[in-house]
Amino acid sequence: MEETLRAHLFECAALFEEATGVTPATLGKRALNDNTFFARISEGQGFTVRTFDRVMEWLSANWPEGAEWPSDVPRPAPSQSEAA
């Protein structure tokens, strides 16, 4: 399961970078206030499901206009605060 979640993170991060030019380090800083997040998980370090959810929710809420969300990655529903 962790490898699937890891693959989803990297796929979304790569597409986000392609569409915006934002590096994974900057993405980690914006989503988690942790610019080493993607570097650490690319080296095999673990992460919690809560952290995965936070990153994916941030990506979903900030997904670039006109960029297509990857079809094989479930997109989080907007949170209550975003829907308001």
PDB file of N, CA and C in Angstrom:
ATOM      1  N   MET A   1       0.820  -1.205   0.000  1.00  0.00           N
ATOM      2  CA  MET A   1       0.000   0.000   0.000  1.00  0.00           C
ATOM      3  C   MET A   1       0.857   1.260   0.000  1.00  0.00           C
ATOM      4  N   GLU A   2       1.932   1.249   0.805  1.00  0.00           N
ATOM      5  CA  GLU A   2       2.775   2.445   0.869  1.00  0.00           C
ATOM      6  C   GLU A   2       3.386   2.767  -0.492  1.00  0.00           C
ATOM      7  N   GLU A   3       3.764   1.732  -1.242  1.00  0.00           N
ATOM      8  CA  GLU A   3       4.353   1.975  -2.565  1.00  0.00           C
ATOM      9  C   GLU A   3       3.343   2.603  -3.523  1.00  0.00           C
ATOM     10  N   THR A   4       2.082   2.211  -3.413  1.00  0.00           N
ATOM     11  CA  THR A   4       1.042   2.820  -4.246  1.00  0.00           C
ATOM     12  C   THR A   4       0.869   4.284  -3.894  1.00  0.00           C
ATOM     13  N   LEU A   5       0.810   4.581  -2.602  1.00  0.00           N
ATOM     14  CA  LEU A   5       0.665   5.974  -2.170  1.00  0.00           C
ATOM     15  C   LEU A   5       1.876   6.794  -2.583  1.00  0.00           C
ATOM     16  N   ARG A   6       3.056   6.220  -2.448  1.00  0.00           N
ATOM     17  CA  ARG A   6       4.290   6.894  -2.861  1.00  0.00           C
ATOM     18  C   ARG A   6       4.239   7.212  -4.361  1.00  0.00           C
ATOM     19  N   ALA A   7       3.802   6.236  -5.157  1.00  0.00           N
ATOM     20  CA  ALA A   7       3.700   6.439  -6.605  1.00  0.00           C
ATOM     21  C   ALA A   7       2.698   7.546  -6.932  1.00  0.00           C
ATOM     22  N   HIS A   8       1.583   7.596  -6.200  1.00  0.00           N
ATOM     23  CA  HIS A   8       0.596   8.654  -6.421  1.00  0.00           C
ATOM     24  C   HIS A   8       1.182  10.024  -6.100  1.00  0.00           C
ATOM     25  N   LEU A   9       1.924  10.120  -5.011  1.00  0.00           N
ATOM     26  CA  LEU A   9       2.559  11.390  -4.647  1.00  0.00           C
ATOM     27  C   LEU A   9       3.499  11.859  -5.745  1.00  0.00           C
ATOM     28  N   PHE A  10       4.358  10.956  -6.205  1.00  0.00           N
ATOM     29  CA  PHE A  10       5.339  11.349  -7.213  1.00  0.00           C
ATOM     30  C   PHE A  10       4.696  11.659  -8.557  1.00  0.00           C
ATOM     31  N   GLU A  11       3.660  10.925  -8.920  1.00  0.00           N
ATOM     32  CA  GLU A  11       2.976  11.204 -10.186  1.00  0.00           C
ATOM     33  C   GLU A  11       2.336  12.586 -10.158  1.00  0.00           C
ATOM     34  N   CYS A  12       1.637  12.889  -9.076  1.00  0.00           N
ATOM     35  CA  CYS A  12       0.991  14.200  -8.953  1.00  0.00           C
ATOM     36  C   CYS A  12       2.022  15.321  -8.875  1.00  0.00           C
ATOM     37  N   ALA A  13       3.087  15.097  -8.123  1.00  0.00           N
ATOM     38  CA  ALA A  13       4.128  16.123  -8.001  1.00  0.00           C
ATOM     39  C   ALA A  13       4.779  16.401  -9.354  1.00  0.00           C
ATOM     40  N   ALA A  14       5.031  15.350 -10.127  1.00  0.00           N
ATOM     41  CA  ALA A  14       5.655  15.532 -11.442  1.00  0.00           C
ATOM     42  C   ALA A  14       4.745  16.316 -12.387  1.00  0.00           C
ATOM     43  N   LEU A  15       3.460  15.985 -12.391  1.00  0.00           N
ATOM     44  CA  LEU A  15       2.521  16.716 -13.245  1.00  0.00           C
ATOM     45  C   LEU A  15       2.357  18.160 -12.781  1.00  0.00           C
ATOM     46  N   PHE A  16       2.341  18.362 -11.464  1.00  0.00           N
ATOM     47  CA  PHE A  16       2.238  19.722 -10.920  1.00  0.00           C
ATOM     48  C   PHE A  16       3.463  20.534 -11.332  1.00  0.00           C
ATOM     49  N   GLU A  17       4.643  19.927 -11.221  1.00  0.00           N
ATOM     50  CA  GLU A  17       5.876  20.619 -11.612  1.00  0.00           C
ATOM     51  C   GLU A  17       5.862  20.942 -13.107  1.00  0.00           C
ATOM     52  N   GLU A  18       5.418  19.989 -13.910  1.00  0.00           N
ATOM     53  CA  GLU A  18       5.354  20.198 -15.353  1.00  0.00           C
ATOM     54  C   GLU A  18       4.447  21.376 -15.710  1.00  0.00           C
ATOM     55  N   ALA A  19       3.319  21.487 -15.015  1.00  0.00           N
ATOM     56  CA  ALA A  19       2.346  22.535 -15.316  1.00  0.00           C
ATOM     57  C   ALA A  19       2.721  23.896 -14.737  1.00  0.00           C
ATOM     58  N   THR A  20       3.467  23.896 -13.630  1.00  0.00           N
ATOM     59  CA  THR A  20       3.712  25.163 -12.928  1.00  0.00           C
ATOM     60  C   THR A  20       5.178  25.559 -12.821  1.00  0.00           C
ATOM     61  N   GLY A  21       6.082  24.596 -12.966  1.00  0.00           N
ATOM     62  CA  GLY A  21       7.501  24.870 -12.757  1.00  0.00           C
ATOM     63  C   GLY A  21       7.912  24.815 -11.292  1.00  0.00           C
ATOM     64  N   VAL A  22       6.968  24.490 -10.416  1.00  0.00           N
ATOM     65  CA  VAL A  22       7.248  24.406  -8.982  1.00  0.00           C
ATOM     66  C   VAL A  22       7.969  23.089  -8.700  1.00  0.00           C
ATOM     67  N   THR A  23       9.127  23.156  -8.079  1.00  0.00           N
ATOM     68  CA  THR A  23       9.912  21.961  -7.785  1.00  0.00           C
ATOM     69  C   THR A  23       9.288  21.163  -6.639  1.00  0.00           C
ATOM     70  N   PRO A  24       9.632  19.886  -6.529  1.00  0.00           N
ATOM     71  CA  PRO A  24       9.138  19.102  -5.399  1.00  0.00           C
ATOM     72  C   PRO A  24       9.518  19.704  -4.041  1.00  0.00           C
ATOM     73  N   ALA A  25      10.694  20.303  -3.940  1.00  0.00           N
ATOM     74  CA  ALA A  25      11.090  20.929  -2.673  1.00  0.00           C
ATOM     75  C   ALA A  25      10.146  22.079  -2.321  1.00  0.00           C
ATOM     76  N   THR A  26       9.826  22.897  -3.297  1.00  0.00           N
ATOM     77  CA  THR A  26       8.907  24.012  -3.063  1.00  0.00           C
ATOM     78  C   THR A  26       7.500  23.498  -2.792  1.00  0.00           C
ATOM     79  N   LEU A  27       7.104  22.471  -3.509  1.00  0.00           N
ATOM     80  CA  LEU A  27       5.799  21.868  -3.274  1.00  0.00           C
ATOM     81  C   LEU A  27       5.689  21.344  -1.848  1.00  0.00           C
ATOM     82  N   GLY A  28       6.712  20.641  -1.379  1.00  0.00           N
ATOM     83  CA  GLY A  28       6.722  20.153   0.000  1.00  0.00           C
ATOM     84  C   GLY A  28       6.651  21.291   1.007  1.00  0.00           C
ATOM     85  N   LYS A  29       7.349  22.366   0.713  1.00  0.00           N
ATOM     86  CA  LYS A  29       7.333  23.535   1.598  1.00  0.00           C
ATOM     87  C   LYS A  29       5.931  24.142   1.659  1.00  0.00           C
ATOM     88  N   ARG A  30       5.297  24.268   0.508  1.00  0.00           N
ATOM     89  CA  ARG A  30       3.961  24.870   0.466  1.00  0.00           C
ATOM     90  C   ARG A  30       2.899  23.975   1.105  1.00  0.00           C
ATOM     91  N   ALA A  31       2.968  22.683   0.830  1.00  0.00           N
ATOM     92  CA  ALA A  31       1.932  21.771   1.305  1.00  0.00           C
ATOM     93  C   ALA A  31       2.106  21.380   2.771  1.00  0.00           C
ATOM     94  N   LEU A  32       3.374  21.230   3.203  1.00  0.00           N
ATOM     95  CA  LEU A  32       3.642  20.687   4.540  1.00  0.00           C
ATOM     96  C   LEU A  32       4.567  21.542   5.386  1.00  0.00           C
ATOM     97  N   ASN A  33       5.080  22.624   4.801  1.00  0.00           N
ATOM     98  CA  ASN A  33       6.129  23.400   5.445  1.00  0.00           C
ATOM     99  C   ASN A  33       7.370  22.521   5.672  1.00  0.00           C
ATOM    100  N   ASP A  34       7.655  21.662   4.676  1.00  0.00           N
ATOM    101  CA  ASP A  34       8.774  20.716   4.751  1.00  0.00           C
ATOM    102  C   ASP A  34       9.365  20.544   3.358  1.00  0.00           C
ATOM    103  N   ASN A  35      10.418  21.296   3.084  1.00  0.00           N
ATOM    104  CA  ASN A  35      11.007  21.241   1.745  1.00  0.00           C
ATOM    105  C   ASN A  35      11.811  19.968   1.495  1.00  0.00           C
ATOM    106  N   THR A  36      11.986  19.111   2.476  1.00  0.00           N
ATOM    107  CA  THR A  36      12.724  17.863   2.280  1.00  0.00           C
ATOM    108  C   THR A  36      11.806  16.647   2.121  1.00  0.00           C
ATOM    109  N   PHE A  37      10.503  16.854   2.173  1.00  0.00           N
ATOM    110  CA  PHE A  37       9.563  15.727   2.152  1.00  0.00           C
ATOM    111  C   PHE A  37       9.774  14.812   0.948  1.00  0.00           C
ATOM    112  N   PHE A  38       9.751  15.346  -0.253  1.00  0.00           N
ATOM    113  CA  PHE A  38       9.871  14.506  -1.441  1.00  0.00           C
ATOM    114  C   PHE A  38      11.258  13.891  -1.559  1.00  0.00           C
ATOM    115  N   ALA A  39      12.283  14.585  -1.157  1.00  0.00           N
ATOM    116  CA  ALA A  39      13.638  14.015  -1.180  1.00  0.00           C
ATOM    117  C   ALA A  39      13.730  12.831  -0.221  1.00  0.00           C
ATOM    118  N   ARG A  40      13.158  12.991   0.957  1.00  0.00           N
ATOM    119  CA  ARG A  40      13.212  11.909   1.948  1.00  0.00           C
ATOM    120  C   ARG A  40      12.445  10.675   1.491  1.00  0.00           C
ATOM    121  N   ILE A  41      11.258  10.873   0.938  1.00  0.00           N
ATOM    122  CA  ILE A  41      10.500   9.688   0.536  1.00  0.00           C
ATOM    123  C   ILE A  41      11.084   9.064  -0.733  1.00  0.00           C
ATOM    124  N   SER A  42      11.778   9.846  -1.546  1.00  0.00           N
ATOM    125  CA  SER A  42      12.439   9.246  -2.712  1.00  0.00           C
ATOM    126  C   SER A  42      13.613   8.373  -2.287  1.00  0.00           C
ATOM    127  N   GLU A  43      14.144   8.619  -1.089  1.00  0.00           N
ATOM    128  CA  GLU A  43      15.227   7.803  -0.535  1.00  0.00           C
ATOM    129  C   GLU A  43      14.695   6.604   0.239  1.00  0.00           C
ATOM    130  N   GLY A  44      13.379   6.428   0.245  1.00  0.00           N
ATOM    131  CA  GLY A  44      12.796   5.258   0.891  1.00  0.00           C
ATOM    132  C   GLY A  44      12.263   5.476   2.288  1.00  0.00           C
ATOM    133  N   GLN A  45      12.365   6.683   2.811  1.00  0.00           N
ATOM    134  CA  GLN A  45      11.817   6.924   4.139  1.00  0.00           C
ATOM    135  C   GLN A  45      10.293   6.875   4.087  1.00  0.00           C
ATOM    136  N   GLY A  46       9.699   6.547   5.197  1.00  0.00           N
ATOM    137  CA  GLY A  46       8.254   6.403   5.265  1.00  0.00           C
ATOM    138  C   GLY A  46       7.537   7.718   5.501  1.00  0.00           C
ATOM    139  N   PHE A  47       6.230   7.630   5.488  1.00  0.00           N
ATOM    140  CA  PHE A  47       5.366   8.776   5.755  1.00  0.00           C
ATOM    141  C   PHE A  47       4.046   8.225   6.270  1.00  0.00           C
ATOM    142  N   THR A  48       3.288   9.056   6.936  1.00  0.00           N
ATOM    143  CA  THR A  48       2.007   8.616   7.471  1.00  0.00           C
ATOM    144  C   THR A  48       0.897   8.840   6.448  1.00  0.00           C
ATOM    145  N   VAL A  49      -0.197   8.141   6.642  1.00  0.00           N
ATOM    146  CA  VAL A  49      -1.356   8.345   5.783  1.00  0.00           C
ATOM    147  C   VAL A  49      -1.869   9.773   5.963  1.00  0.00           C
ATOM    148  N   ARG A  50      -1.795  10.281   7.167  1.00  0.00           N
ATOM    149  CA  ARG A  50      -2.222  11.665   7.414  1.00  0.00           C
ATOM    150  C   ARG A  50      -1.391  12.646   6.588  1.00  0.00           C
ATOM    151  N   THR A  51      -0.091  12.419   6.509  1.00  0.00           N
ATOM    152  CA  THR A  51       0.766  13.290   5.700  1.00  0.00           C
ATOM    153  C   THR A  51       0.415  13.151   4.224  1.00  0.00           C
ATOM    154  N   PHE A  52       0.212  11.926   3.767  1.00  0.00           N
ATOM    155  CA  PHE A  52      -0.216  11.694   2.384  1.00  0.00           C
ATOM    156  C   PHE A  52      -1.491  12.484   2.100  1.00  0.00           C
ATOM    157  N   ASP A  53      -2.469  12.364   2.993  1.00  0.00           N
ATOM    158  CA  ASP A  53      -3.740  13.064   2.801  1.00  0.00           C
ATOM    159  C   ASP A  53      -3.544  14.574   2.739  1.00  0.00           C
ATOM    160  N   ARG A  54      -2.704  15.109   3.600  1.00  0.00           N
ATOM    161  CA  ARG A  54      -2.460  16.563   3.603  1.00  0.00           C
ATOM    162  C   ARG A  54      -1.876  17.015   2.280  1.00  0.00           C
ATOM    163  N   VAL A  55      -0.899  16.281   1.759  1.00  0.00           N
ATOM    164  CA  VAL A  55      -0.273  16.659   0.486  1.00  0.00           C
ATOM    165  C   VAL A  55      -1.294  16.561  -0.648  1.00  0.00           C
ATOM    166  N   MET A  56      -2.027  15.465  -0.693  1.00  0.00           N
ATOM    167  CA  MET A  56      -2.990  15.277  -1.777  1.00  0.00           C
ATOM    168  C   MET A  56      -4.120  16.303  -1.713  1.00  0.00           C
ATOM    169  N   GLU A  57      -4.567  16.641  -0.527  1.00  0.00           N
ATOM    170  CA  GLU A  57      -5.595  17.677  -0.390  1.00  0.00           C
ATOM    171  C   GLU A  57      -5.064  19.028  -0.852  1.00  0.00           C
ATOM    172  N   TRP A  58      -3.814  19.332  -0.498  1.00  0.00           N
ATOM    173  CA  TRP A  58      -3.216  20.593  -0.938  1.00  0.00           C
ATOM    174  C   TRP A  58      -3.107  20.611  -2.461  1.00  0.00           C
ATOM    175  N   LEU A  59      -2.602  19.511  -3.028  1.00  0.00           N
ATOM    176  CA  LEU A  59      -2.479  19.439  -4.482  1.00  0.00           C
ATOM    177  C   LEU A  59      -3.837  19.621  -5.153  1.00  0.00           C
ATOM    178  N   SER A  60      -4.844  18.922  -4.663  1.00  0.00           N
ATOM    179  CA  SER A  60      -6.173  19.018  -5.259  1.00  0.00           C
ATOM    180  C   SER A  60      -6.701  20.447  -5.200  1.00  0.00           C
ATOM    181  N   ALA A  61      -6.529  21.099  -4.063  1.00  0.00           N
ATOM    182  CA  ALA A  61      -7.028  22.467  -3.886  1.00  0.00           C
ATOM    183  C   ALA A  61      -6.248  23.483  -4.716  1.00  0.00           C
ATOM    184  N   ASN A  62      -5.004  23.157  -5.060  1.00  0.00           N
ATOM    185  CA  ASN A  62      -4.144  24.099  -5.778  1.00  0.00           C
ATOM    186  C   ASN A  62      -3.762  23.605  -7.166  1.00  0.00           C
ATOM    187  N   TRP A  63      -4.505  22.633  -7.676  1.00  0.00           N
ATOM    188  CA  TRP A  63      -4.185  22.040  -8.971  1.00  0.00           C
ATOM    189  C   TRP A  63      -4.271  23.106 -10.064  1.00  0.00           C
ATOM    190  N   PRO A  64      -3.284  23.143 -10.955  1.00  0.00           N
ATOM    191  CA  PRO A  64      -3.251  24.193 -11.982  1.00  0.00           C
ATOM    192  C   PRO A  64      -4.451  24.126 -12.939  1.00  0.00           C
ATOM    193  N   GLU A  65      -4.983  25.275 -13.220  1.00  0.00           N
ATOM    194  CA  GLU A  65      -6.077  25.409 -14.176  1.00  0.00           C
ATOM    195  C   GLU A  65      -5.636  24.832 -15.517  1.00  0.00           C
ATOM    196  N   GLY A  66      -6.461  23.983 -16.075  1.00  0.00           N
ATOM    197  CA  GLY A  66      -6.164  23.410 -17.383  1.00  0.00           C
ATOM    198  C   GLY A  66      -5.325  22.144 -17.353  1.00  0.00           C
ATOM    199  N   ALA A  67      -4.726  21.830 -16.228  1.00  0.00           N
ATOM    200  CA  ALA A  67      -3.934  20.602 -16.115  1.00  0.00           C
ATOM    201  C   ALA A  67      -4.872  19.459 -15.721  1.00  0.00           C
ATOM    202  N   GLU A  68      -4.656  18.313 -16.309  1.00  0.00           N
ATOM    203  CA  GLU A  68      -5.520  17.166 -16.018  1.00  0.00           C
ATOM    204  C   GLU A  68      -4.977  16.381 -14.830  1.00  0.00           C
ATOM    205  N   TRP A  69      -5.856  16.095 -13.869  1.00  0.00           N
ATOM    206  CA  TRP A  69      -5.511  15.256 -12.720  1.00  0.00           C
ATOM    207  C   TRP A  69      -5.276  13.842 -13.252  1.00  0.00           C
ATOM    208  N   PRO A  70      -4.260  13.125 -12.758  1.00  0.00           N
ATOM    209  CA  PRO A  70      -4.000  11.780 -13.269  1.00  0.00           C
ATOM    210  C   PRO A  70      -5.181  10.838 -13.038  1.00  0.00           C
ATOM    211  N   SER A  71      -5.573  10.129 -14.091  1.00  0.00           N
ATOM    212  CA  SER A  71      -6.776   9.303 -14.033  1.00  0.00           C
ATOM    213  C   SER A  71      -6.651   8.114 -13.086  1.00  0.00           C
ATOM    214  N   ASP A  72      -5.427   7.679 -12.807  1.00  0.00           N
ATOM    215  CA  ASP A  72      -5.242   6.519 -11.933  1.00  0.00           C
ATOM    216  C   ASP A  72      -5.046   6.894 -10.465  1.00  0.00           C
ATOM    217  N   VAL A  73      -5.171   8.183 -10.146  1.00  0.00           N
ATOM    218  CA  VAL A  73      -4.992   8.664  -8.771  1.00  0.00           C
ATOM    219  C   VAL A  73      -6.323   9.231  -8.277  1.00  0.00           C
ATOM    220  N   PRO A  74      -6.882   8.664  -7.208  1.00  0.00           N
ATOM    221  CA  PRO A  74      -8.129   9.227  -6.669  1.00  0.00           C
ATOM    222  C   PRO A  74      -7.915  10.667  -6.197  1.00  0.00           C
ATOM    223  N   ARG A  75      -8.793  11.556  -6.634  1.00  0.00           N
ATOM    224  CA  ARG A  75      -8.675  12.963  -6.244  1.00  0.00           C
ATOM    225  C   ARG A  75      -9.505  13.219  -4.998  1.00  0.00           C
ATOM    226  N   PRO A  76      -8.884  13.823  -3.980  1.00  0.00           N
ATOM    227  CA  PRO A  76      -9.631  14.113  -2.744  1.00  0.00           C
ATOM    228  C   PRO A  76     -10.774  15.090  -2.999  1.00  0.00           C
ATOM    229  N   ALA A  77     -11.860  14.881  -2.297  1.00  0.00           N
ATOM    230  CA  ALA A  77     -12.973  15.826  -2.345  1.00  0.00           C
ATOM    231  C   ALA A  77     -12.551  17.098  -1.624  1.00  0.00           C
ATOM    232  N   PRO A  78     -13.099  18.234  -2.027  1.00  0.00           N
ATOM    233  CA  PRO A  78     -12.762  19.483  -1.313  1.00  0.00           C
ATOM    234  C   PRO A  78     -13.130  19.381   0.161  1.00  0.00           C
ATOM    235  N   SER A  79     -12.275  19.948   1.021  1.00  0.00           N
ATOM    236  CA  SER A  79     -12.593  19.951   2.446  1.00  0.00           C
ATOM    237  C   SER A  79     -13.721  20.936   2.704  1.00  0.00           C
ATOM    238  N   GLN A  80     -14.309  20.841   3.885  1.00  0.00           N
ATOM    239  CA  GLN A  80     -15.414  21.720   4.238  1.00  0.00           C
ATOM    240  C   GLN A  80     -14.998  23.187   4.180  1.00  0.00           C
ATOM    241  N   SER A  81     -13.775  23.501   4.596  1.00  0.00           N
ATOM    242  CA  SER A  81     -13.330  24.893   4.602  1.00  0.00           C
ATOM    243  C   SER A  81     -13.147  25.405   3.163  1.00  0.00           C
ATOM    244  N   GLU A  82     -12.736  24.529   2.240  1.00  0.00           N
ATOM    245  CA  GLU A  82     -12.576  24.931   0.856  1.00  0.00           C
ATOM    246  C   GLU A  82     -13.923  25.077   0.173  1.00  0.00           C
ATOM    247  N   ALA A  83     -14.886  24.246   0.552  1.00  0.00           N
ATOM    248  CA  ALA A  83     -16.206  24.278  -0.079  1.00  0.00           C
ATOM    249  C   ALA A  83     -16.988  25.520   0.335  1.00  0.00           C
ATOM    250  N   ALA A  84     -16.652  26.108   1.477  1.00  0.00           N
ATOM    251  CA  ALA A  84     -17.396  27.281   1.976  1.00  0.00           C
ATOM    252  C   ALA A  84     -17.069  28.533   1.219  1.00  0.00           C
TER     253      ALA A  84
END
